[in-house]
Amino acid sequence: MKQTIIQLLKLSFSTQSWRKTGGMAISLALATIGLTSCFSDDTTLAERELSEIVIDQNSMKEVYNINKNETLVITPVFSQTQAQLNVKTTWEIDQKVYSNEPSLSFTGKELGSWNCRLILENEDGRTFYPFRLNVNSPYEEGITIISADNDGRPWLSFMAADENGNDTQFYDYDCLSVNNSDIQFASHPADMVQSAGSLILVCQGNGTSADVPTLYYVNEKTMTVENMLTVTEYPDFKPTILGIPSMDASGVAYPVLCENGKTYEFSTTEGALVKPTKLKYTYAQNMIVHDNGSGYSYELLAWDSEIGALAQIYNGYGPYYCSKNYHQTRATCTGQNNYFDGREFCNMTYVRMTDEQLAAGGDPQVLVIVKNGQLVQKVILSTSFWKYNFDTAETVLSDNGGTKVAAVGACPLTATTPAIANMTYYSLLFADGNKVRRWNYTTSQLLTNADVLQTIGSADAVITGFEMSADHKKTYVAFYEPSQTGKNGSLWVIDTDRGTILQKYDNISYRPVKMIYKKK
């Protein structure tokens, strides 16, 4: 049709007048009219107006965001300017035809971002609507709980934080099984840490050849297992605690504590487990890891049960033993050279600090509680043990005033008592059955007089773990109800200072084993 119009115009003018009157400009203008919205009339008689497809802009978005495993459904609304002709729909994702259905149904199986396009066409032409589709991680940041179901199998519960860091709701599914349908996980989960882009999960198994101790590398954004290590060569390997910092390093092996108090060393980058070269003795079921985000710069504390002393691995070196003498070794950690000579270990807890407290130069600390005869004693130590005293030009033990009496008689805490401490309120919260007790550890308050901050669940409830918000205002309390069947694990959130219940999330897991706040 356009060619016909141009030929008629050429016949109406001489070549000279055609050039003078800008004939080519006229023909281009007419051609442009014919190409508007990619609709054209190729009929010779032009018996009807073109029927242009118009998409309702309110029915489509320029950008769509969904989480992994979520399904997005888009149903466009459109009209035709003239005759209601048959319309063909095409959905393109990443420049490939994905569907010809009237509505797009897309399930986000992989993380990523794609350029997409909706194409609507009838016999008169076509129209397009480009958009972008982002599949995001539903597990970016938030409370993460590993629990053991009725058969001892791991169940991972996750509650995402919103863009402002506020709690939302727990997903109503097991994040492990949903994302790893082809994997049969070992039973009896023991510990979980976040390190170098992974959640490292360790399970003890049940002692049979079909259910052996296993370490899993779980991608922290997709919850898919990327690697695993089964351990069959060490019969006494029944792991309880992973001594792994938040960032690993090549060529460095980190201790894994077992039920019998012995350790093995695990290289996260090589995926290998070997007999220990550093912590070679027997240790209490309590271990603290402090790091600054580097796999080479960290401090690990463990209680040597055989000689009754506190050992430290410092940046992969050591162990060094807590003493007023700098870099004390195990061989010389006897008598007065041992800071804890004659003491029996009760508990130690890392003191949480806010980002502001760390930025202000606060010293990372650990609260250690020991028994000396009938006396229960406390001491606040630097996790690095020693510091340089510029006044005396010597390296001295940083013990914040020495050992002080905390109670008389039995100590209410053991090595495995769930506990959490913070520098904002200088309080230690610890579990006593279904009660959260609070001890102001920098005052003269006796540990046995710790007040009940809050009672959790029923009278039979058992608290298994704590976590704390970054500003220390909220404390998360994980517990389970032994008399309940099915998902009997719950999480309550309380005000750290007042003990007020802020939120309840009941029956979101089985018996909680470990709870962490997973960071981005």
Protein backbone atom coordinates (compact mmCIF):
# COMPACT_ATOMS: atom_id res chain seq x y z
CA MET A 1 0.00 0.00 0.00
CA LYS A 2 2.80 2.44 0.94
CA GLN A 3 4.60 1.67 -2.33
CA THR A 4 1.39 2.36 -4.28
CA ILE A 5 0.97 5.79 -2.67
CA ILE A 6 4.58 6.74 -3.46
CA GLN A 7 4.25 5.66 -7.08
CA LEU A 8 1.08 7.77 -7.49
CA LEU A 9 2.87 10.77 -6.04
CA LYS A 10 5.78 10.29 -8.44
CA LEU A 11 3.39 10.15 -11.39
CA SER A 12 1.71 13.38 -10.25
CA PHE A 13 4.99 15.35 -10.27
CA SER A 14 7.88 15.61 -12.59
CA THR A 15 11.27 14.50 -11.31
CA GLN A 16 12.29 18.10 -10.81
CA SER A 17 9.11 19.13 -8.99
CA TRP A 18 9.34 15.94 -6.92
CA ARG A 19 12.73 17.03 -5.64
CA LYS A 20 11.69 20.64 -5.14
CA THR A 21 8.65 19.80 -3.10
CA GLY A 22 10.54 17.42 -0.83
CA GLY A 23 8.79 14.38 -2.16
CA MET A 24 10.99 11.97 -0.27
CA ALA A 25 10.11 13.66 3.04
CA ILE A 26 6.44 13.25 2.20
CA SER A 27 6.86 9.58 1.43
CA LEU A 28 8.77 8.99 4.70
CA ALA A 29 6.05 10.72 6.67
CA LEU A 30 3.40 8.56 5.05
CA ALA A 31 5.47 5.45 5.72
CA THR A 32 5.81 6.40 9.38
CA ILE A 33 2.04 6.69 9.69
CA GLY A 34 1.70 3.23 8.28
CA LEU A 35 4.15 1.78 10.88
CA THR A 36 2.64 3.25 14.08
CA SER A 37 2.33 0.58 16.82
CA CYS A 38 3.51 -1.99 14.27
CA PHE A 39 0.05 -2.08 12.74
CA SER A 40 -0.43 -1.90 8.94
CA ASP A 41 -3.25 -2.29 6.46
CA ASP A 42 -2.13 -4.57 3.63
CA THR A 43 -5.57 -4.78 1.98
CA THR A 44 -6.08 -3.11 -1.39
CA LEU A 45 -9.54 -1.77 -0.66
CA ALA A 46 -9.03 -0.77 3.00
CA GLU A 47 -12.56 -1.87 3.77
CA ARG A 48 -12.14 -1.32 7.58
CA GLU A 49 -10.04 0.54 10.12
CA LEU A 50 -7.04 -1.21 11.64
CA SER A 51 -7.75 -2.89 14.97
CA GLU A 52 -4.90 -1.83 17.24
CA ILE A 53 -4.22 -3.71 20.49
CA VAL A 54 -3.96 -1.46 23.56
CA ILE A 55 -2.61 -2.91 26.83
CA ASP A 56 -4.06 -1.58 30.08
CA GLN A 57 -0.98 -0.17 31.83
CA ASN A 58 -2.49 -0.90 35.25
CA SER A 59 -2.53 -4.62 34.51
CA MET A 60 1.24 -4.84 34.00
CA LYS A 61 4.35 -3.73 35.88
CA GLU A 62 7.75 -2.72 34.62
CA VAL A 63 9.47 -4.79 37.34
CA TYR A 64 8.28 -7.94 39.12
CA ASN A 65 9.96 -9.28 42.25
CA ILE A 66 9.27 -12.76 43.58
CA ASN A 67 11.06 -15.09 45.97
CA LYS A 68 12.58 -18.41 45.05
CA ASN A 69 9.92 -21.15 44.82
CA GLU A 70 7.13 -18.57 44.55
CA THR A 71 4.83 -18.61 41.51
CA LEU A 72 4.09 -15.39 39.66
CA VAL A 73 0.86 -15.14 37.66
CA ILE A 74 0.35 -12.20 35.27
CA THR A 75 -2.96 -11.74 33.45
CA PRO A 76 -2.78 -8.76 31.10
CA VAL A 77 -5.85 -6.68 30.32
CA PHE A 78 -6.09 -5.29 26.80
CA SER A 79 -8.54 -3.98 24.23
CA GLN A 80 -8.75 -3.57 20.45
CA THR A 81 -9.62 -0.26 18.88
CA GLN A 82 -11.84 -1.69 16.15
CA ALA A 83 -12.81 -5.23 15.22
CA GLN A 84 -12.40 -7.87 17.94
CA LEU A 85 -9.94 -10.07 16.15
CA ASN A 86 -8.24 -13.21 17.41
CA VAL A 87 -5.22 -12.30 19.53
CA LYS A 88 -2.14 -14.47 19.94
CA THR A 89 -0.18 -14.14 23.18
CA THR A 90 3.56 -14.76 23.49
CA TRP A 91 5.61 -14.49 26.69
CA GLU A 92 9.36 -14.18 26.21
CA ILE A 93 11.87 -14.65 29.03
CA ASP A 94 15.53 -13.98 28.37
CA GLN A 95 14.78 -13.64 24.63
CA LYS A 96 13.25 -17.11 24.47
CA VAL A 97 9.60 -18.04 24.05
CA TYR A 98 8.37 -19.27 27.43
CA SER A 99 4.61 -19.60 26.90
CA ASN A 100 1.72 -18.80 24.58
CA GLU A 101 -0.93 -18.94 27.28
CA PRO A 102 -3.12 -15.89 27.91
CA SER A 103 -1.66 -15.63 31.45
CA LEU A 104 1.96 -16.06 32.48
CA SER A 105 2.59 -18.59 35.24
CA PHE A 106 6.24 -18.59 36.31
CA THR A 107 7.80 -20.37 39.29
CA GLY A 108 11.14 -19.01 40.49
CA LYS A 109 13.37 -22.06 40.66
CA GLU A 110 16.64 -20.16 40.39
CA LEU A 111 17.86 -16.81 41.68
CA GLY A 112 18.44 -14.23 38.97
CA SER A 113 17.13 -11.34 36.91
CA TRP A 114 15.69 -11.61 33.41
CA ASN A 115 14.49 -9.26 30.68
CA CYS A 116 11.02 -10.31 29.57
CA ARG A 117 8.44 -9.27 27.02
CA LEU A 118 4.73 -9.70 26.44
CA ILE A 119 3.74 -9.80 22.75
CA LEU A 120 0.11 -9.49 21.68
CA GLU A 121 -0.69 -9.78 17.99
CA ASN A 122 -3.68 -10.00 15.68
CA GLU A 123 -3.91 -10.06 11.89
CA ASP A 124 -3.41 -6.28 11.74
CA GLY A 125 -0.18 -6.14 13.76
CA ARG A 126 1.34 -6.55 17.19
CA THR A 127 2.17 -4.64 20.37
CA PHE A 128 4.81 -5.23 23.03
CA TYR A 129 5.23 -4.72 26.77
CA PRO A 130 8.79 -5.19 28.11
CA PHE A 131 9.34 -5.89 31.81
CA ARG A 132 11.99 -7.21 34.17
CA LEU A 133 11.58 -10.28 36.37
CA ASN A 134 13.70 -10.69 39.51
CA VAL A 135 13.79 -13.93 41.49
CA ASN A 136 15.15 -13.05 44.92
CA SER A 137 16.24 -15.08 47.90
CA PRO A 138 13.49 -15.53 50.50
CA TYR A 139 16.23 -16.27 53.01
CA GLU A 140 18.30 -13.09 52.91
CA GLU A 141 18.25 -12.27 56.62
CA GLY A 142 16.33 -13.39 59.67
CA ILE A 143 15.87 -15.85 62.50
CA THR A 144 16.91 -19.39 61.52
CA ILE A 145 16.12 -22.45 63.64
CA ILE A 146 17.30 -25.99 63.11
CA SER A 147 15.16 -28.52 64.96
CA ALA A 148 14.80 -32.30 65.16
CA ASP A 149 11.47 -33.85 64.20
CA ASN A 150 9.92 -36.93 65.81
CA ASP A 151 12.29 -39.19 63.84
CA GLY A 152 15.30 -37.04 64.65
CA ARG A 153 15.49 -35.59 61.13
CA PRO A 154 16.50 -31.92 60.73
CA TRP A 155 13.80 -29.34 60.04
CA LEU A 156 14.86 -25.79 59.19
CA SER A 157 12.50 -22.92 60.03
CA PHE A 158 13.12 -19.39 58.77
CA MET A 159 11.54 -16.01 59.52
CA ALA A 160 12.66 -13.31 57.10
CA ALA A 161 13.29 -9.76 58.22
CA ASP A 162 11.73 -7.02 56.10
CA GLU A 163 13.66 -4.17 54.49
CA ASN A 164 13.63 -2.30 57.81
CA GLY A 165 14.93 -5.26 59.77
CA ASN A 166 11.58 -6.04 61.40
CA ASP A 167 10.37 -9.59 62.00
CA THR A 168 7.69 -10.94 59.65
CA GLN A 169 6.34 -14.51 59.81
CA PHE A 170 7.90 -17.96 59.63
CA TYR A 171 7.54 -19.83 56.37
CA ASP A 172 5.16 -22.75 56.85
CA TYR A 173 7.55 -25.32 55.37
CA ASP A 174 10.86 -27.02 56.02
CA CYS A 175 13.42 -25.01 54.08
CA LEU A 176 15.70 -28.03 53.75
CA SER A 177 13.26 -30.53 52.25
CA VAL A 178 11.60 -27.98 49.93
CA ASN A 179 14.93 -27.06 48.37
CA ASN A 180 16.57 -30.50 48.52
CA SER A 181 13.87 -32.99 47.63
CA ASP A 182 16.45 -35.53 46.44
CA ILE A 183 18.45 -35.60 49.70
CA GLN A 184 17.78 -37.77 52.73
CA PHE A 185 19.41 -35.84 55.56
CA ALA A 186 21.23 -37.60 58.38
CA SER A 187 19.38 -37.59 61.68
CA HIS A 188 20.04 -35.82 64.97
CA PRO A 189 21.18 -32.32 63.98
CA ALA A 190 23.70 -30.99 66.50
CA ASP A 191 24.87 -27.52 65.44
CA MET A 192 24.65 -24.91 62.70
CA VAL A 193 26.83 -21.88 61.93
CA GLN A 194 26.84 -19.26 59.18
CA SER A 195 30.21 -19.06 57.47
CA ALA A 196 31.46 -17.74 54.12
CA GLY A 197 28.15 -17.86 52.26
CA SER A 198 26.99 -21.16 53.72
CA LEU A 199 25.04 -22.50 56.61
CA ILE A 200 27.23 -25.35 57.83
CA LEU A 201 25.00 -27.97 59.41
CA VAL A 202 26.30 -31.03 61.23
CA CYS A 203 24.21 -34.10 62.06
CA GLN A 204 25.26 -37.04 64.23
CA GLY A 205 23.30 -39.78 62.45
CA ASN A 206 21.95 -42.79 64.33
CA GLY A 207 25.00 -45.02 64.24
CA THR A 208 23.90 -47.22 61.34
CA SER A 209 25.59 -47.50 57.96
CA ALA A 210 22.59 -45.82 56.35
CA ASP A 211 22.61 -42.83 58.70
CA VAL A 212 26.16 -41.62 59.37
CA PRO A 213 27.54 -38.34 60.76
CA THR A 214 27.42 -35.72 58.01
CA LEU A 215 28.49 -32.12 57.52
CA TYR A 216 26.39 -30.14 55.03
CA TYR A 217 27.24 -26.95 53.17
CA VAL A 218 23.85 -25.27 52.68
CA ASN A 219 23.77 -22.19 50.42
CA GLU A 220 22.63 -19.36 52.68
CA LYS A 221 20.49 -17.73 49.97
CA THR A 222 18.84 -20.77 48.37
CA MET A 223 18.97 -23.34 51.20
CA THR A 224 20.22 -25.90 48.69
CA VAL A 225 22.96 -28.33 49.68
CA GLU A 226 26.06 -27.53 47.66
CA ASN A 227 28.38 -30.07 49.24
CA MET A 228 28.47 -32.60 52.04
CA LEU A 229 30.99 -34.67 53.93
CA THR A 230 30.05 -38.03 55.42
CA VAL A 231 32.29 -39.31 58.20
CA THR A 232 32.66 -43.06 58.58
CA GLU A 233 36.32 -43.53 59.49
CA TYR A 234 36.06 -42.19 63.06
CA PRO A 235 33.66 -44.25 65.25
CA ASP A 236 33.72 -41.70 68.09
CA PHE A 237 32.80 -38.76 65.84
CA LYS A 238 29.51 -37.62 67.38
CA PRO A 239 29.69 -33.86 66.83
CA THR A 240 28.08 -31.35 69.19
CA ILE A 241 29.70 -27.94 68.52
CA LEU A 242 31.23 -26.38 65.40
CA GLY A 243 34.11 -24.03 66.26
CA ILE A 244 33.97 -22.26 62.89
CA PRO A 245 34.20 -18.44 62.45
CA SER A 246 31.90 -16.43 60.18
CA MET A 247 34.51 -16.39 57.39
CA ASP A 248 36.71 -19.35 56.63
CA ALA A 249 40.20 -19.36 55.16
CA SER A 250 42.09 -21.67 52.86
CA GLY A 251 44.45 -24.04 54.62
CA VAL A 252 42.94 -23.46 58.07
CA ALA A 253 41.22 -26.25 60.03
CA TYR A 254 38.70 -25.48 62.75
CA PRO A 255 37.77 -27.66 65.74
CA VAL A 256 34.61 -29.73 65.94
CA LEU A 257 33.77 -30.80 69.50
CA CYS A 258 32.25 -34.24 70.06
CA GLU A 259 30.06 -35.80 72.76
CA ASN A 260 33.06 -37.38 74.49
CA GLY A 261 34.81 -34.01 74.82
CA LYS A 262 37.36 -34.81 72.12
CA THR A 263 37.81 -32.70 69.01
CA TYR A 264 38.47 -33.22 65.33
CA GLU A 265 39.61 -30.54 62.90
CA PHE A 266 37.55 -29.58 59.87
CA SER A 267 38.86 -27.67 56.87
CA THR A 268 35.87 -25.90 55.35
CA THR A 269 37.66 -25.04 52.12
CA GLU A 270 39.06 -28.53 51.53
CA GLY A 271 36.05 -30.38 52.92
CA ALA A 272 38.24 -32.65 55.02
CA LEU A 273 38.03 -33.87 58.61
CA VAL A 274 41.21 -34.95 60.42
CA LYS A 275 42.43 -35.76 63.90
CA PRO A 276 43.33 -32.70 66.00
CA THR A 277 46.69 -30.99 65.93
CA LYS A 278 45.86 -28.26 68.47
CA LEU A 279 43.01 -29.14 70.86
CA LYS A 280 44.15 -32.70 71.54
CA TYR A 281 42.68 -33.33 74.97
CA THR A 282 39.21 -33.37 76.58
CA TYR A 283 37.05 -30.25 76.69
CA ALA A 284 33.80 -29.08 78.27
CA GLN A 285 30.65 -28.91 76.11
CA ASN A 286 31.02 -25.19 75.61
CA MET A 287 32.99 -23.29 73.00
CA ILE A 288 33.15 -19.62 72.03
CA VAL A 289 34.24 -18.21 68.67
CA HIS A 290 34.80 -14.49 68.17
CA ASP A 291 35.96 -13.06 64.87
CA ASN A 292 36.04 -9.83 62.91
CA GLY A 293 34.80 -11.31 59.65
CA SER A 294 38.09 -12.87 58.59
CA GLY A 295 38.90 -16.55 58.59
CA TYR A 296 42.45 -15.76 59.66
CA SER A 297 41.62 -13.37 62.52
CA TYR A 298 39.59 -15.03 65.22
CA GLU A 299 39.67 -16.19 68.83
CA LEU A 300 38.33 -19.53 69.98
CA LEU A 301 37.95 -20.42 73.66
CA ALA A 302 37.55 -23.92 75.10
CA TRP A 303 37.78 -25.30 78.64
CA ASP A 304 40.44 -27.99 79.04
CA SER A 305 38.71 -30.41 81.41
CA GLU A 306 41.82 -32.48 82.09
CA ILE A 307 43.81 -29.70 83.77
CA GLY A 308 40.97 -27.28 84.57
CA ALA A 309 42.16 -24.37 82.43
CA LEU A 310 40.83 -22.05 79.74
CA ALA A 311 42.50 -22.54 76.36
CA GLN A 312 42.59 -20.14 73.44
CA ILE A 313 43.26 -20.54 69.73
CA TYR A 314 44.33 -17.15 68.42
CA ASN A 315 44.32 -16.61 64.65
CA GLY A 316 45.06 -20.30 64.18
CA TYR A 317 47.93 -20.33 66.68
CA GLY A 318 48.04 -21.93 70.09
CA PRO A 319 46.52 -23.18 72.19
CA TYR A 320 47.50 -20.57 74.75
CA TYR A 321 46.21 -20.82 78.30
CA CYS A 322 44.65 -18.15 80.47
CA SER A 323 47.36 -16.93 82.82
CA LYS A 324 48.84 -13.71 84.04
CA ASN A 325 51.91 -14.81 82.12
CA TYR A 326 51.72 -13.98 78.42
CA HIS A 327 51.25 -16.87 75.94
CA GLN A 328 51.21 -19.59 78.57
CA THR A 329 51.39 -23.09 77.10
CA ARG A 330 49.71 -26.21 78.43
CA ALA A 331 53.00 -27.67 79.61
CA THR A 332 53.65 -24.73 81.94
CA CYS A 333 50.02 -24.02 82.89
CA THR A 334 50.28 -25.44 86.39
CA GLY A 335 49.74 -24.06 89.87
CA GLN A 336 49.64 -20.27 89.97
CA ASN A 337 50.49 -20.11 86.28
CA ASN A 338 46.94 -21.34 85.68
CA TYR A 339 44.49 -18.49 86.22
CA PHE A 340 41.77 -21.03 87.07
CA ASP A 341 43.89 -23.33 89.19
CA GLY A 342 41.66 -25.56 91.33
CA ARG A 343 38.42 -24.31 89.74
CA GLU A 344 35.61 -26.39 88.30
CA PHE A 345 34.02 -25.16 85.10
CA CYS A 346 30.36 -24.11 85.14
CA ASN A 347 29.67 -21.97 82.09
CA MET A 348 31.03 -19.28 79.79
CA THR A 349 29.05 -16.92 77.59
CA TYR A 350 30.14 -14.44 74.94
CA VAL A 351 29.00 -10.89 75.78
CA ARG A 352 27.07 -9.43 72.83
CA MET A 353 28.00 -5.93 71.69
CA THR A 354 26.15 -3.52 69.41
CA ASP A 355 27.84 -2.11 66.33
CA GLU A 356 28.11 1.23 68.12
CA GLN A 357 29.84 -0.36 71.11
CA LEU A 358 32.32 -2.10 68.83
CA ALA A 359 32.94 1.08 66.84
CA ALA A 360 33.63 2.95 70.07
CA GLY A 361 36.51 0.60 70.76
CA GLY A 362 34.74 -1.80 73.08
CA ASP A 363 36.72 -4.88 74.04
CA PRO A 364 35.03 -8.20 73.10
CA GLN A 365 34.42 -10.06 76.34
CA VAL A 366 33.47 -13.45 77.71
CA LEU A 367 31.77 -14.05 81.06
CA VAL A 368 33.27 -17.12 82.75
CA ILE A 369 31.62 -18.82 85.76
CA VAL A 370 33.55 -21.39 87.79
CA LYS A 371 33.22 -23.24 91.09
CA ASN A 372 35.87 -23.02 93.81
CA GLY A 373 34.78 -25.34 96.59
CA GLN A 374 31.46 -23.95 97.84
CA LEU A 375 32.04 -20.62 96.15
CA VAL A 376 30.72 -19.83 92.67
CA GLN A 377 32.97 -17.24 91.06
CA LYS A 378 32.71 -14.99 88.01
CA VAL A 379 35.25 -13.17 85.89
CA ILE A 380 34.95 -11.03 82.76
CA LEU A 381 37.82 -11.70 80.38
CA SER A 382 38.85 -10.22 77.08
CA THR A 383 38.45 -12.84 74.36
CA SER A 384 42.05 -12.06 73.38
CA PHE A 385 43.11 -12.64 77.04
CA TRP A 386 46.00 -10.16 77.08
CA LYS A 387 46.54 -6.53 76.22
CA TYR A 388 49.56 -4.26 76.19
CA ASN A 389 49.84 -1.88 79.14
CA PHE A 390 51.62 1.21 77.86
CA ASP A 391 52.11 2.58 81.38
CA THR A 392 54.13 -0.41 82.52
CA ALA A 393 55.37 -1.44 79.07
CA GLU A 394 54.23 -5.03 79.54
CA THR A 395 51.57 -7.40 78.30
CA VAL A 396 49.01 -8.10 81.03
CA LEU A 397 45.91 -10.25 81.43
CA SER A 398 42.72 -8.30 80.73
CA ASP A 399 40.39 -9.66 83.39
CA ASN A 400 38.31 -6.57 84.26
CA GLY A 401 39.02 -6.61 87.98
CA GLY A 402 39.68 -10.27 88.68
CA THR A 403 37.54 -13.11 90.00
CA LYS A 404 34.58 -12.23 92.22
CA VAL A 405 32.03 -14.22 94.22
CA ALA A 406 28.85 -14.96 92.25
CA ALA A 407 27.06 -17.39 94.58
CA VAL A 408 27.49 -19.87 97.41
CA GLY A 409 26.63 -23.54 97.02
CA ALA A 410 25.35 -25.12 93.83
CA CYS A 411 25.80 -23.26 90.57
CA PRO A 412 22.54 -22.90 88.62
CA LEU A 413 24.40 -23.05 85.30
CA THR A 414 26.16 -25.93 83.58
CA ALA A 415 28.30 -26.01 80.46
CA THR A 416 25.23 -26.64 78.28
CA THR A 417 22.74 -24.26 79.96
CA PRO A 418 21.26 -21.98 77.26
CA ALA A 419 22.44 -18.45 78.04
CA ILE A 420 23.03 -15.09 76.38
CA ALA A 421 24.74 -11.95 77.70
CA ASN A 422 24.84 -8.36 76.49
CA MET A 423 26.86 -5.23 77.19
CA THR A 424 23.89 -2.84 76.91
CA TYR A 425 22.14 -3.94 80.09
CA TYR A 426 25.09 -5.94 81.53
CA SER A 427 22.73 -8.84 82.00
CA LEU A 428 23.02 -12.58 81.56
CA LEU A 429 19.79 -14.31 80.56
CA PHE A 430 19.75 -18.05 81.16
CA ALA A 431 17.23 -20.88 80.97
CA ASP A 432 15.75 -22.58 84.01
CA GLY A 433 13.18 -25.02 82.62
CA ASN A 434 10.47 -22.76 81.22
CA LYS A 435 11.78 -19.63 82.96
CA VAL A 436 14.07 -16.95 81.60
CA ARG A 437 16.20 -15.76 84.49
CA ARG A 438 18.15 -12.50 84.47
CA TRP A 439 21.38 -11.93 86.34
CA ASN A 440 23.02 -8.50 86.46
CA TYR A 441 26.54 -9.83 86.32
CA THR A 442 28.40 -6.55 87.00
CA THR A 443 26.60 -5.97 90.32
CA SER A 444 26.73 -7.73 93.68
CA GLN A 445 23.56 -9.68 92.86
CA LEU A 446 24.10 -13.36 93.50
CA LEU A 447 23.56 -15.75 90.63
CA THR A 448 21.20 -17.82 92.78
CA ASN A 449 19.04 -14.72 93.25
CA ALA A 450 18.62 -14.06 89.54
CA ASP A 451 15.09 -12.81 88.98
CA VAL A 452 12.56 -14.44 86.66
CA LEU A 453 12.34 -12.14 83.66
CA GLN A 454 9.58 -14.14 81.95
CA THR A 455 7.89 -17.54 82.05
CA ILE A 456 7.67 -19.20 78.65
CA GLY A 457 5.01 -21.64 77.43
CA SER A 458 3.42 -24.21 79.73
CA ALA A 459 4.83 -25.54 82.98
CA ASP A 460 6.40 -28.42 80.99
CA ALA A 461 8.08 -26.21 78.40
CA VAL A 462 11.85 -26.49 77.99
CA ILE A 463 13.90 -23.54 76.74
CA THR A 464 16.64 -24.66 74.35
CA GLY A 465 18.19 -21.46 73.00
CA PHE A 466 18.41 -17.68 72.84
CA GLU A 467 19.16 -15.08 70.20
CA MET A 468 19.22 -11.28 70.42
CA SER A 469 18.49 -8.39 68.07
CA ALA A 470 21.43 -6.25 66.95
CA ASP A 471 20.35 -3.39 69.23
CA HIS A 472 19.83 -5.79 72.19
CA LYS A 473 16.25 -4.61 72.70
CA LYS A 474 14.66 -7.94 71.74
CA THR A 475 15.52 -11.43 72.94
CA TYR A 476 14.32 -14.49 71.02
CA VAL A 477 13.51 -17.53 73.15
CA ALA A 478 13.29 -20.96 71.47
CA PHE A 479 11.55 -23.76 73.37
CA TYR A 480 9.47 -26.90 72.95
CA GLU A 481 6.58 -28.64 74.69
CA PRO A 482 7.56 -32.29 75.40
CA SER A 483 3.94 -33.34 75.94
CA GLN A 484 2.82 -32.09 72.51
CA THR A 485 2.91 -34.15 69.32
CA GLY A 486 3.79 -32.87 65.89
CA LYS A 487 5.46 -29.48 65.61
CA ASN A 488 5.98 -28.75 69.28
CA GLY A 489 8.68 -26.09 68.93
CA SER A 490 7.93 -22.40 69.34
CA LEU A 491 9.61 -19.00 69.50
CA TRP A 492 8.64 -16.12 71.75
CA VAL A 493 10.12 -12.65 71.54
CA ILE A 494 10.54 -10.68 74.76
CA ASP A 495 11.79 -7.25 75.72
CA THR A 496 15.36 -7.77 76.93
CA ASP A 497 15.10 -5.15 79.66
CA ARG A 498 11.51 -5.50 80.87
CA GLY A 499 10.70 -9.07 79.93
CA THR A 500 7.44 -8.10 78.24
CA ILE A 501 6.25 -10.59 75.62
CA LEU A 502 6.40 -8.82 72.27
CA GLN A 503 5.40 -11.64 69.92
CA LYS A 504 4.57 -15.33 69.93
CA TYR A 505 5.30 -17.75 67.10
CA ASP A 506 3.86 -21.06 68.24
CA ASN A 507 4.41 -24.46 66.63
CA ILE A 508 6.83 -23.27 63.96
CA SER A 509 9.35 -26.08 64.42
CA TYR A 510 10.06 -29.30 66.26
CA ARG A 511 12.46 -29.45 69.23
CA PRO A 512 14.84 -26.53 68.56
CA VAL A 513 18.50 -27.52 68.52
CA LYS A 514 20.18 -24.28 67.42
CA MET A 515 18.92 -20.79 66.65
CA ILE A 516 20.90 -18.05 64.91
CA TYR A 517 20.15 -14.71 63.32
CA LYS A 518 21.27 -15.24 59.73
CA LYS A 519 22.83 -12.10 58.27
CA LYS A 520 22.98 -10.99 54.64
